[in-house]
Amino acid sequence: MLLPGGYHTEDEIAEAYQRRTLPDLLAETPGFDEIGEALEEALETGFFSGFERECDRRLLELLEKGAFPVFGPSPLAAFVIRREMEISHLRLLLAAKSAGVREDRLKKRLPRG
């Protein structure tokens, strides 16, 4: 997600992508070092499930910090994001169970598995 006023400009991100140093740039971002490692692994292996799991885990951490004001749209936005993630995880669980996926393999896909 690219937002104005973030740690890196769009040009820095585009340049890091072109030079194939995006995981390093992400690892330099405060609080995102694990995501940088997960992205690097995903780019090497071609499997992005670990990266997706790490992003979900980080988003849940940010939402739980409660750094939102009591009034305004922030609590509602956090609620909606949590519900969307919950629905996504339930879909994953149901599809995996119907496909006969082993529990240990399934836990690797969930952010708090």
Protein backbone atom coordinates (compact mmCIF):
# COMPACT_ATOMS: atom_id res chain seq x y z
CA MET A 1 0.00 0.00 0.00
CA LEU A 2 1.54 3.28 -1.07
CA LEU A 3 0.42 6.34 0.82
CA PRO A 4 1.79 9.87 0.62
CA GLY A 5 4.02 10.76 3.54
CA GLY A 6 5.26 7.22 4.10
CA TYR A 7 8.80 6.10 4.80
CA HIS A 8 9.68 5.72 1.13
CA THR A 9 8.66 7.61 -1.99
CA GLU A 10 7.11 5.91 -4.99
CA ASP A 11 10.34 6.53 -6.91
CA GLU A 12 12.43 4.80 -4.23
CA ILE A 13 10.13 1.78 -4.31
CA ALA A 14 10.12 1.63 -8.12
CA GLU A 15 13.91 1.90 -8.22
CA ALA A 16 14.32 -0.81 -5.58
CA TYR A 17 11.98 -3.06 -7.56
CA GLN A 18 13.94 -2.53 -10.77
CA ARG A 19 17.26 -3.20 -9.02
CA ARG A 20 15.72 -6.23 -7.28
CA THR A 21 16.48 -4.77 -3.84
CA LEU A 22 12.87 -4.34 -2.73
CA PRO A 23 13.21 -6.80 0.20
CA ASP A 24 16.17 -4.80 1.51
CA LEU A 25 14.25 -1.53 1.25
CA LEU A 26 11.30 -3.06 3.06
CA ALA A 27 13.57 -4.47 5.77
CA GLU A 28 14.93 -0.94 6.38
CA THR A 29 11.42 0.32 7.12
CA PRO A 30 10.81 0.48 10.88
CA GLY A 31 8.64 -2.43 12.02
CA PHE A 32 8.75 -4.27 8.70
CA ASP A 33 11.99 -6.25 8.95
CA GLU A 34 10.20 -9.63 9.10
CA ILE A 35 8.13 -8.72 6.06
CA GLY A 36 11.33 -7.90 4.15
CA GLU A 37 12.70 -11.34 4.99
CA ALA A 38 9.43 -13.01 3.96
CA LEU A 39 9.41 -11.09 0.65
CA GLU A 40 12.98 -12.10 -0.08
CA GLU A 41 12.14 -15.75 0.56
CA ALA A 42 9.01 -15.47 -1.60
CA LEU A 43 10.95 -14.00 -4.50
CA GLU A 44 13.55 -16.76 -4.26
CA THR A 45 11.08 -19.65 -4.03
CA GLY A 46 8.17 -18.25 -6.05
CA PHE A 47 5.71 -19.05 -3.23
CA PHE A 48 4.14 -15.98 -1.66
CA SER A 49 2.05 -17.64 1.06
CA GLY A 50 4.65 -16.86 3.74
CA PHE A 51 4.82 -13.24 2.63
CA GLU A 52 1.02 -12.97 2.68
CA ARG A 53 0.92 -14.53 6.15
CA GLU A 54 3.53 -12.09 7.44
CA CYS A 55 1.62 -9.11 5.98
CA ASP A 56 -1.60 -10.31 7.62
CA ARG A 57 0.19 -10.79 10.93
CA ARG A 58 1.68 -7.28 10.78
CA LEU A 59 -1.68 -5.73 9.88
CA LEU A 60 -3.33 -7.48 12.83
CA GLU A 61 -0.60 -6.18 15.13
CA LEU A 62 -1.18 -2.64 13.93
CA LEU A 63 -4.93 -2.95 14.37
CA GLU A 64 -4.55 -4.34 17.88
CA LYS A 65 -2.27 -1.58 19.06
CA GLY A 66 -5.33 0.57 19.37
CA ALA A 67 -3.57 3.65 18.08
CA PHE A 68 -6.88 4.88 16.76
CA PRO A 69 -8.88 7.74 18.19
CA VAL A 70 -12.11 6.77 19.91
CA PHE A 71 -14.17 9.01 17.67
CA GLY A 72 -13.99 9.22 13.92
CA PRO A 73 -13.75 6.70 11.10
CA SER A 74 -10.69 4.81 12.39
CA PRO A 75 -12.48 2.33 14.71
CA LEU A 76 -15.00 1.53 11.98
CA ALA A 77 -12.23 1.03 9.41
CA ALA A 78 -10.35 -1.27 11.80
CA PHE A 79 -13.52 -3.28 12.41
CA VAL A 80 -14.18 -3.69 8.68
CA ILE A 81 -10.58 -4.70 7.95
CA ARG A 82 -10.64 -7.30 10.73
CA ARG A 83 -13.92 -8.77 9.46
CA GLU A 84 -12.59 -8.94 5.88
CA MET A 85 -9.49 -10.76 7.12
CA GLU A 86 -11.63 -13.11 9.19
CA ILE A 87 -13.81 -13.95 6.18
CA SER A 88 -10.73 -14.55 4.04
CA HIS A 89 -9.27 -16.88 6.67
CA LEU A 90 -12.54 -18.78 7.04
CA ARG A 91 -12.70 -19.29 3.27
CA LEU A 92 -9.15 -20.61 3.34
CA LEU A 93 -10.00 -22.99 6.20
CA LEU A 94 -13.13 -24.32 4.51
CA ALA A 95 -11.43 -24.82 1.15
CA ALA A 96 -8.43 -26.51 2.76
CA LYS A 97 -10.58 -28.82 4.89
CA SER A 98 -12.68 -29.86 1.89
CA ALA A 99 -9.48 -30.52 -0.09
CA GLY A 100 -8.04 -32.64 2.72
CA VAL A 101 -5.08 -30.39 3.51
CA ARG A 102 -3.16 -31.44 6.61
CA GLU A 103 -3.59 -29.25 9.68
CA ASP A 104 0.13 -28.45 10.06
CA ARG A 105 0.32 -27.24 6.47
CA LEU A 106 -2.81 -25.16 6.92
CA LYS A 107 -1.46 -23.47 10.05
CA LYS A 108 1.46 -22.15 8.02
CA ARG A 109 -0.97 -20.12 5.89
CA LEU A 110 -2.79 -18.38 8.74
CA PRO A 111 -1.25 -15.32 10.43
CA ARG A 112 -1.67 -16.80 13.89
CA GLY A 113 -1.39 -20.44 12.96
